[in-house]
Every structure is written in C-alpha cells, then in structure tokens.
C-alpha cells in the first residue's frame, strides 16, 4: 500500500520494537500501538508549541474521546516502526491521524485516528476547541 498524503505539519517518530512490546509469539501487542500514537501526538503538539504545559497554562485539559485503529501488517521484535501524526480537523474537536510503517519493509502496519475534546478549567467538557488553542493549530488540516 502507498502512504497517505500528509500535510507539511506532520511529525514522525521512530519506535524500536522491544521484547516488552511483544506478545509471547514475538509480535507487537496491539495495545502498544496506542502508546506510540500518544508519543507521536505529543511530538505533533509540541511542534506547534502546544504541549501539555502550554495547554494547562491556558487552563484547559484535553482528553481522547474516540479512537480507531486498523492493523494491516504486524510488527515484530526488533523492527523499527515509523509513526507519523498530523491534524485532520481542528473544529469542532481536534482529530489526529496516524500511520505506522515498518522502516525496513516500508509495509503499512497500521493507521488510526483519535479525537480530542477540551475541558474548561472547572472540568466541564467543551463542545468545540477553544479559540485560544485553535489559533495555534494549523489553519488548514487535511
């Protein structure tokens, strides 16, 4: 499969698959992918100066309210995974897309999306991303 078109703001991290990531058969356990998505999403937000300290300084918190993952080819012990994250939408909620590729084979291992909602300082879930955060997000998410 070919890689999805990614916008210029996309961020890629690398993750070496360790034994602690694998099931007894030496295949990366499916739940570990969400840890790698988190690492890539953190790098993505940090790349636009909207890391956790900045979000908290505004008085907000963000939570994953939806997540989907499709697995295509397994990763195994010793593989190097490239995880790319980018913004797909910024309103009403923030949607982030992910691709996971095996660096050696260039096989597409997984693709996913997560949706993040923001809470007000009092913990109330907001129906849309606040302007204070949206102004830092890419103007046009693909």
Protein backbone atom coordinates (compact mmCIF):
# COMPACT_ATOMS: atom_id res chain seq x y z
CA UNK A 1 0.00 0.00 0.00
CA UNK A 2 1.12 3.55 -0.53
CA UNK A 3 1.40 6.15 2.17
CA UNK A 4 -1.43 8.59 2.66
CA UNK A 5 -0.75 12.16 1.60
CA UNK A 6 0.48 14.01 4.67
CA UNK A 7 0.46 17.77 5.27
CA UNK A 8 3.63 19.75 5.94
CA UNK A 9 2.93 19.86 9.68
CA UNK A 10 3.09 16.05 10.04
CA UNK A 11 5.57 14.74 12.62
CA UNK A 12 7.27 11.33 12.54
CA UNK A 13 8.82 9.46 15.45
CA UNK A 14 10.63 6.13 15.44
CA UNK A 15 9.99 3.26 17.83
CA UNK A 16 12.20 0.16 18.04
CA UNK A 17 10.02 -2.83 18.93
CA UNK A 18 11.36 -4.29 22.16
CA UNK A 19 10.55 -7.58 23.79
CA UNK A 20 8.36 -5.75 26.31
CA UNK A 21 6.17 -4.59 23.38
CA UNK A 22 5.52 -8.14 22.19
CA UNK A 23 3.18 -10.99 22.95
CA UNK A 24 4.60 -14.49 23.61
CA UNK A 25 4.88 -15.08 19.84
CA UNK A 26 7.22 -12.09 19.40
CA UNK A 27 4.60 -9.93 17.63
CA UNK A 28 3.96 -6.38 18.83
CA UNK A 29 0.86 -6.47 21.03
CA UNK A 30 -1.98 -4.44 19.51
CA UNK A 31 -2.45 -2.27 22.60
CA UNK A 32 1.11 -0.93 22.37
CA UNK A 33 0.24 0.95 19.17
CA UNK A 34 -1.81 3.40 21.23
CA UNK A 35 1.29 4.21 23.29
CA UNK A 36 3.13 5.01 20.06
CA UNK A 37 0.20 7.14 18.87
CA UNK A 38 0.45 9.06 22.14
CA UNK A 39 4.18 9.64 21.64
CA UNK A 40 3.64 10.86 18.07
CA UNK A 41 0.68 13.05 19.09
CA UNK A 42 2.78 14.59 21.90
CA UNK A 43 5.55 15.38 19.39
CA UNK A 44 2.96 16.83 17.00
CA UNK A 45 1.50 19.17 19.63
CA UNK A 46 4.98 20.13 20.86
CA UNK A 47 5.97 21.02 17.28
CA UNK A 48 3.37 23.82 17.30
CA UNK A 49 4.23 24.96 20.85
CA UNK A 50 1.08 23.45 22.29
CA UNK A 51 2.49 20.84 24.63
CA UNK A 52 0.90 19.92 27.96
CA UNK A 53 2.41 22.86 29.91
CA UNK A 54 1.04 25.36 27.38
CA UNK A 55 -2.42 23.75 27.34
CA UNK A 56 -2.53 23.77 31.14
CA UNK A 57 -1.31 27.39 31.24
CA UNK A 58 -4.46 28.32 29.30
CA UNK A 59 -6.45 26.47 31.98
CA UNK A 60 -7.55 23.63 29.70
CA UNK A 61 -7.12 19.87 29.60
CA UNK A 62 -7.60 17.54 26.65
CA UNK A 63 -8.96 14.02 26.57
CA UNK A 64 -9.27 11.32 23.95
CA UNK A 65 -12.99 10.84 23.32
CA UNK A 66 -12.74 8.50 20.32
CA UNK A 67 -10.05 6.24 18.87
CA UNK A 68 -9.95 3.90 15.89
CA UNK A 69 -7.13 1.70 14.65
CA UNK A 70 -6.83 -0.62 11.67
CA UNK A 71 -3.96 -3.11 11.67
CA UNK A 72 -2.58 -4.24 8.31
CA UNK A 73 0.77 -5.97 8.86
CA UNK A 74 2.30 -6.99 12.18
CA UNK A 75 5.43 -5.55 13.70
CA UNK A 76 7.77 -7.95 15.45
CA UNK A 77 10.59 -7.88 17.95
CA UNK A 78 13.49 -5.80 16.63
CA UNK A 79 11.51 -3.98 13.93
CA UNK A 80 11.77 -0.22 13.65
CA UNK A 81 8.38 1.45 13.39
CA UNK A 82 7.89 4.92 11.96
CA UNK A 83 4.81 6.57 13.44
CA UNK A 84 3.55 9.73 11.73
CA UNK A 85 0.88 12.02 13.19
CA UNK A 86 -0.92 15.01 11.71
CA UNK A 87 -4.01 17.12 12.29
CA UNK A 88 -7.01 16.18 10.17
CA UNK A 89 -9.50 18.57 11.76
CA UNK A 90 -9.38 21.27 14.42
CA UNK A 91 -13.09 22.02 14.82
CA UNK A 92 -15.38 21.29 16.38
CA UNK A 93 -12.94 18.84 18.00
CA UNK A 94 -9.32 18.02 17.20
CA UNK A 95 -8.86 14.92 15.04
CA UNK A 96 -5.37 13.46 14.63
CA UNK A 97 -4.46 10.80 12.06
CA UNK A 98 -1.60 8.31 12.32
CA UNK A 99 0.31 6.00 10.01
CA UNK A 100 2.61 3.26 11.25
CA UNK A 101 5.15 1.81 8.84
CA UNK A 102 7.82 -0.85 9.22
CA UNK A 103 11.01 1.08 8.38
CA UNK A 104 12.79 -1.94 6.90
CA UNK A 105 9.99 -3.21 4.65
CA UNK A 106 8.01 0.04 4.22
CA UNK A 107 4.89 -2.07 4.85
CA UNK A 108 1.97 -0.20 6.27
CA UNK A 109 1.45 -1.71 9.70
CA UNK A 110 -1.48 0.36 10.97
CA UNK A 111 -3.44 3.54 10.52
CA UNK A 112 -5.55 5.25 13.12
CA UNK A 113 -7.36 8.37 14.27
CA UNK A 114 -8.01 9.87 17.66
CA UNK A 115 -10.41 12.67 18.57
CA UNK A 116 -9.56 15.04 21.40
CA UNK A 117 -12.01 17.16 23.37
CA UNK A 118 -11.11 20.03 25.66
CA UNK A 119 -12.41 20.78 29.12
CA UNK A 120 -12.84 24.17 30.74
CA UNK A 121 -10.84 24.97 33.88
CA UNK A 122 -13.75 23.70 36.01
CA UNK A 123 -13.67 20.33 34.18
CA UNK A 124 -16.72 20.95 32.00
CA UNK A 125 -16.43 19.27 28.60
CA UNK A 126 -16.48 21.91 25.87
CA UNK A 127 -18.48 21.35 22.66
CA UNK A 128 -15.66 22.75 20.50
CA UNK A 129 -11.96 23.52 20.66
CA UNK A 130 -11.42 26.91 22.35
CA UNK A 131 -10.09 29.75 20.20
CA UNK A 132 -7.03 30.10 22.46
CA UNK A 133 -5.93 26.63 21.29
CA UNK A 134 -7.26 26.75 17.73
CA UNK A 135 -5.15 29.80 16.88
CA UNK A 136 -2.04 27.65 17.39
CA UNK A 137 -3.32 24.75 15.31
CA UNK A 138 -2.70 24.56 11.55
CA UNK A 139 -5.15 26.80 9.70
CA UNK A 140 -5.91 24.08 7.22
CA UNK A 141 -5.81 20.48 8.41
CA UNK A 142 -6.04 17.89 5.64
